[in-house]
Protein backbone atom coordinates (compact mmCIF):
# COMPACT_ATOMS: atom_id res chain seq x y z
CA MET A 1 0.82 -7.07 -37.23
CA THR A 2 1.86 -8.32 -33.37
CA THR A 3 -0.92 -7.00 -30.64
CA SER A 4 -0.10 -5.74 -27.52
CA PRO A 5 -1.70 -7.54 -24.87
CA SER A 6 -3.07 -3.71 -23.20
CA SER A 7 -5.53 -3.77 -26.87
CA SER A 8 -6.80 -7.60 -26.65
CA PRO A 9 -9.53 -7.31 -24.88
CA VAL A 10 -8.49 -10.27 -22.39
CA GLY A 11 -5.36 -8.23 -21.26
CA ALA A 12 -7.44 -5.09 -21.03
CA ASP A 13 -9.31 -6.37 -18.98
CA LEU A 14 -6.64 -7.80 -16.44
CA ALA A 15 -4.86 -4.80 -16.28
CA LEU A 16 -8.01 -3.25 -15.85
CA ALA A 17 -8.81 -5.84 -13.07
CA ALA A 18 -5.44 -5.36 -10.96
CA ALA A 19 -5.66 -1.47 -11.24
CA SER A 20 -8.52 -1.75 -9.77
CA ALA A 21 -7.67 -3.20 -6.81
CA ALA A 22 -4.37 -1.84 -6.28
CA ALA A 23 -6.93 1.65 -6.48
CA THR A 24 -8.47 -0.14 -2.93
CA VAL A 25 -5.26 -0.53 -0.52
CA LEU A 26 -2.98 2.54 -2.35
CA PRO A 27 -3.44 4.95 0.62
CA SER A 28 -5.58 7.99 -0.58
CA VAL A 29 -8.06 10.49 1.26
CA GLU A 30 -10.13 10.16 -1.99
CA THR A 31 -11.56 6.78 -3.35
CA LEU A 32 -9.88 6.22 -7.11
CA THR A 33 -10.92 4.02 -10.11
CA ALA A 34 -8.94 2.58 -12.70
CA ALA A 35 -9.51 3.60 -15.73
CA GLY A 36 -8.95 2.68 -19.10
CA ALA A 37 -5.35 0.72 -19.99
CA GLN A 38 -3.11 2.30 -22.66
CA PRO A 39 -0.05 1.54 -24.33
CA GLY A 40 2.72 3.49 -21.42
CA GLY A 41 5.95 5.20 -22.67
CA PRO A 42 8.52 7.59 -21.44
CA GLU A 43 5.93 10.32 -20.52
CA ALA A 44 3.89 8.30 -18.43
CA THR A 45 5.64 9.50 -15.54
CA ALA A 46 4.58 13.55 -16.57
CA GLY A 47 2.76 15.12 -13.45
CA PHE A 48 3.90 12.39 -10.48
CA ALA A 49 6.04 13.15 -7.40
CA GLY A 50 6.86 9.51 -6.27
CA ALA A 51 7.83 5.91 -8.24
CA VAL A 52 7.70 2.47 -6.83
CA VAL A 53 8.43 -0.32 -8.84
CA ALA A 54 8.41 -4.28 -7.31
CA ASP A 55 9.54 -7.81 -9.87
CA LEU A 56 6.79 -10.63 -9.88
CA ASP A 57 7.52 -13.95 -8.49
CA GLY A 58 6.05 -17.43 -9.14
CA ALA A 59 3.73 -18.72 -12.20
CA HIS A 60 4.06 -15.09 -13.76
CA VAL A 61 8.09 -13.16 -13.89
CA GLY A 62 8.05 -9.81 -14.54
CA ARG A 63 7.94 -6.35 -13.73
CA ILE A 64 5.29 -3.91 -11.63
CA ALA A 65 5.29 -0.69 -10.76
CA VAL A 66 2.52 2.11 -9.22
CA LEU A 67 3.23 5.60 -9.90
CA VAL A 68 1.56 8.00 -7.07
CA GLY A 69 0.68 11.94 -6.74
CA GLU A 70 2.44 15.01 -4.59
CA GLU A 71 -0.15 14.04 -1.79
CA LEU A 72 1.02 10.46 -0.92
CA THR A 73 4.41 11.33 -0.47
CA THR A 74 3.85 14.68 1.33
CA ALA A 75 1.83 13.22 3.41
CA LEU A 76 4.79 10.79 3.72
CA ALA A 77 6.74 12.89 4.84
CA ALA A 78 4.47 14.64 7.03
CA SER A 79 3.69 11.64 9.40
CA PRO A 80 5.60 11.73 13.05
CA ILE A 81 5.71 7.81 12.34
CA GLU A 82 9.35 7.54 11.04
CA GLY A 83 10.64 4.25 9.20
CA LEU A 84 7.63 4.23 7.15
CA ASP A 85 8.89 5.65 3.23
CA LEU A 86 7.63 5.39 0.02
CA ALA A 87 7.86 1.76 -0.85
CA ALA A 88 6.46 0.15 2.04
CA ALA A 89 3.25 2.57 2.23
CA VAL A 90 2.85 1.33 -1.49
CA GLN A 91 3.59 -2.70 -1.05
CA PRO A 92 0.29 -3.54 -0.14
CA ALA A 93 -0.94 -1.76 -3.91
CA LEU A 94 1.68 -3.90 -5.92
CA ASP A 95 1.08 -7.32 -3.52
CA VAL A 96 -2.92 -7.03 -5.20
CA VAL A 97 -1.88 -6.44 -8.46
CA ALA A 98 1.08 -9.19 -8.72
CA ALA A 99 -1.99 -11.39 -7.51
CA THR A 100 -4.25 -10.49 -9.51
CA LEU A 101 -1.61 -11.41 -12.31
CA GLY A 102 -1.79 -14.73 -11.30
CA SER A 103 2.09 -13.76 -9.35
CA VAL A 104 3.91 -12.77 -5.96
CA ALA A 105 4.78 -9.11 -5.78
CA LEU A 106 8.93 -9.04 -4.19
CA ALA A 107 10.39 -6.39 -1.62
CA ALA A 108 9.47 -2.67 -3.36
CA ARG A 109 11.57 -0.27 -4.06
CA SER A 110 11.88 3.62 -5.30
CA VAL A 111 12.82 4.77 -7.73
CA GLU A 112 13.95 7.74 -9.53
CA LEU A 113 10.30 9.09 -11.90
CA ASP A 114 13.14 9.00 -15.01
CA LEU A 115 14.30 5.58 -14.86
CA VAL A 116 10.30 3.42 -14.70
CA ALA A 117 10.64 3.19 -18.59
CA SER A 118 14.26 1.81 -18.63
CA ASP A 119 13.06 -0.39 -15.66
CA LEU A 120 9.65 -1.71 -17.26
CA GLY A 121 11.24 -2.04 -20.28
CA PRO A 122 9.88 -1.79 -24.20
CA SER A 123 6.56 -2.14 -23.56
CA PHE A 124 4.21 -2.23 -20.37
CA THR A 125 0.14 -0.56 -20.04
CA VAL A 126 -0.85 2.24 -17.87
CA VAL A 127 -3.83 2.60 -15.86
CA PRO A 128 -4.28 5.24 -14.27
CA LEU A 129 -6.45 5.79 -11.31
CA ILE A 130 -8.87 8.36 -11.02
CA GLY A 131 -10.04 10.78 -7.66
CA SER A 132 -10.79 14.27 -8.03
CA GLY A 133 -7.69 14.52 -11.83
CA ILE A 134 -5.40 11.71 -11.65
CA SER A 135 -3.67 10.69 -8.96
CA ALA A 136 -1.71 7.60 -9.72
CA ALA A 137 -1.33 4.95 -11.97
CA VAL A 138 -0.54 1.45 -11.64
CA LEU A 139 2.24 0.43 -14.88
CA MET A 140 2.73 -3.73 -15.59
CA GLN A 141 4.92 -5.26 -18.73
CA ASP A 142 2.63 -6.38 -21.43
CA GLN A 143 4.36 -9.93 -20.62
CA LEU A 144 2.71 -10.09 -17.90
CA LEU A 145 -0.87 -9.41 -19.91
CA ASP A 146 -0.51 -11.69 -22.51
CA PRO A 147 -3.92 -13.24 -23.11
CA ARG A 148 -2.29 -16.94 -24.18
CA PRO A 149 -2.14 -19.45 -22.26
CA GLU A 150 1.22 -20.35 -20.98
CA VAL A 151 0.17 -23.55 -19.10
CA GLU A 152 -2.21 -26.54 -20.41
CA PRO A 153 -5.13 -25.96 -19.00
CA VAL A 154 -6.44 -28.03 -16.85
CA GLY A 155 -9.01 -30.62 -17.91
CA VAL A 156 -8.85 -33.79 -19.79
CA LEU A 157 -4.79 -34.89 -21.03
CA PRO A 158 -4.44 -37.06 -22.89
CA ARG A 159 -5.48 -40.44 -22.75
CA ALA A 160 -2.87 -43.06 -21.57
CA ALA A 161 -2.28 -46.96 -22.39
CA THR A 162 -3.53 -49.57 -20.21
CA GLY A 163 -4.13 -52.49 -22.08
CA SER A 164 -4.85 -54.33 -25.50
CA THR A 165 -6.62 -57.09 -27.23
CA SER A 166 -7.33 -58.62 -29.70
CA GLY A 167 -4.12 -56.41 -30.76
CA SER A 168 -5.45 -53.35 -30.23
CA THR A 169 -4.22 -50.18 -27.70
CA VAL A 170 -6.82 -49.18 -25.03
CA GLU A 171 -6.64 -45.70 -23.70
CA GLU A 172 -8.27 -43.72 -21.00
CA PRO A 173 -9.07 -41.10 -20.39
CA VAL A 174 -6.38 -38.85 -17.91
CA THR A 175 -7.58 -36.54 -15.80
CA ALA A 176 -5.27 -33.73 -14.53
CA PRO A 177 -4.99 -33.10 -11.06
CA ALA A 178 -7.40 -29.67 -9.41
CA ALA A 179 -5.85 -26.60 -9.16
CA ALA A 180 -4.45 -25.57 -5.31
CA PRO A 181 -7.02 -23.31 -3.94
CA VAL A 182 -4.69 -19.74 -4.09
CA THR A 183 -3.65 -18.52 -0.95
CA PRO A 184 -4.22 -14.75 -0.11
CA LEU A 185 -1.73 -12.70 0.25
CA PRO A 186 -0.80 -10.89 3.29
CA ARG A 187 -1.15 -7.41 3.51
CA ARG A 188 2.05 -5.14 4.50
CA GLY A 189 3.16 -1.54 4.69
CA ILE A 190 1.20 0.41 6.50
CA GLU A 191 -0.68 -2.16 7.79
CA MET A 192 2.84 -3.90 9.88
CA LEU A 193 2.43 -0.74 12.15
CA HIS A 194 -1.36 -2.06 13.65
CA GLY A 195 0.02 -3.20 16.19
CA VAL A 196 2.81 -1.19 17.10
CA ASP A 197 2.98 0.57 20.79
CA MET A 198 3.29 4.14 20.73
CA GLU A 199 3.90 6.45 23.78
CA VAL A 200 0.93 8.96 24.41
CA THR A 201 1.61 12.09 27.11
CA VAL A 202 -1.22 13.79 28.59
CA GLU A 203 0.06 17.48 29.34
CA LEU A 204 -1.08 20.22 31.65
CA GLY A 205 1.76 22.20 31.19
CA ARG A 206 4.51 24.31 32.36
CA THR A 207 6.99 25.38 34.54
CA ARG A 208 11.42 26.29 34.49
CA MET A 209 12.75 25.79 37.70
CA THR A 210 16.20 26.26 38.80
CA VAL A 211 18.22 23.20 40.36
CA ARG A 212 17.57 25.13 44.33
CA ASP A 213 14.13 25.37 43.81
CA LEU A 214 13.42 21.51 42.26
CA LEU A 215 16.19 20.63 45.78
CA ALA A 216 13.24 22.76 48.28
CA LEU A 217 9.85 20.51 47.03
CA THR A 218 8.83 18.85 50.25
CA PRO A 219 5.19 17.22 49.89
CA GLY A 220 2.18 19.74 49.76
CA ALA A 221 4.22 22.29 47.35
CA VAL A 222 2.14 23.83 44.45
CA LEU A 223 3.87 24.10 41.20
CA GLU A 224 2.83 26.58 39.23
CA LEU A 225 2.36 26.36 35.18
CA ASP A 226 2.28 28.11 31.91
CA ARG A 227 -1.89 27.62 31.97
CA ALA A 228 -4.75 28.86 32.75
CA ALA A 229 -7.70 27.27 34.64
CA GLY A 230 -9.51 24.93 32.05
CA SER A 231 -7.90 25.37 29.25
CA PRO A 232 -7.35 22.53 26.99
CA ALA A 233 -4.87 19.99 27.77
CA ASP A 234 -2.27 18.66 25.08
CA LEU A 235 -2.05 15.62 24.18
CA LEU A 236 0.85 14.02 23.12
CA VAL A 237 2.44 10.75 20.73
CA ASN A 238 5.50 9.95 20.86
CA GLY A 239 6.70 13.04 21.57
CA ARG A 240 4.73 14.78 19.30
CA LEU A 241 1.24 16.83 19.86
CA ILE A 242 -1.75 15.73 17.64
CA ALA A 243 -4.55 16.61 19.81
CA ARG A 244 -5.92 18.96 22.86
CA GLY A 245 -8.90 17.80 25.05
CA GLU A 246 -10.78 18.47 28.46
CA VAL A 247 -8.88 16.39 31.28
CA VAL A 248 -12.52 13.90 32.49
CA VAL A 249 -13.05 11.44 35.29
CA VAL A 250 -13.82 7.50 34.29
CA ASP A 251 -14.69 5.13 37.00
CA GLU A 252 -12.21 6.95 39.47
CA ASP A 253 -9.21 7.45 36.35
CA PHE A 254 -8.17 10.72 34.43
CA GLY A 255 -8.96 10.61 31.09
CA LEU A 256 -9.49 13.04 28.16
CA ARG A 257 -12.57 13.97 26.27
CA VAL A 258 -10.88 14.70 22.72
CA THR A 259 -12.23 18.72 21.05
CA GLU A 260 -9.28 19.27 18.51
CA ILE A 261 -6.86 17.44 16.65
CA LEU A 262 -4.48 19.77 15.01
CA ASP A 263 -2.97 19.74 11.91
CA ASP A 264 0.73 19.85 11.07
CA SER A 265 -0.04 24.14 11.21
CA ALA A 266 -0.88 24.34 14.25
CA ALA A 267 1.06 21.32 16.22
CA VAL A 268 3.43 24.25 18.10
């Protein structure tokens, strides 16, 4: 009888370690914990809202996937930041899974949920990521979890002949070179946006004027705004209202003390 890697202690531990690494970087409003590894099948995608897969390159070649719930897909759809799709947001999680498995994740891509099982093939392992419920899952092809070593272990190799004495060959032990240190993989996805400049505007109020009135403006003219005195000012990022606050003076410069962070329903 053939034993799947996920059913062996070594394979299951490796799958759990890879999923635990993904849980630390996958975007989520709550702490995620990797549950036990289990054999995968077409039903593994039930209850999820999106899927991202990536091919692995390096010591182990194969394919992995991350399933996410509606919370992340909805947050991305409502984000004011354009150009950040599900694949980019999940890429860091795929990177750490690949690193745990001893490989490198190539570019992630979003796929339809009903295609995930066929993309991974007939034999793969699923590790759910648990928050208040099953918030996500990490899927790995079983070949990536095979506990059998693919290369000779580092250590003493067969002795090499160095000469002969009285007709016999003298062999000396040959030591294999030490493994090269593993270089941490760079973070991608949301982390790539940390250095992006965004235009932040504080708006005291607005008014409408005819072209005639605009042309009649002179130094000293007073414009009446649609905001009562003492009302909070609006904080806009790239034209989107995200907060309100009160105007203050900081070292002879104007500033804004934020008093309210707005959600999507209030940011109108």
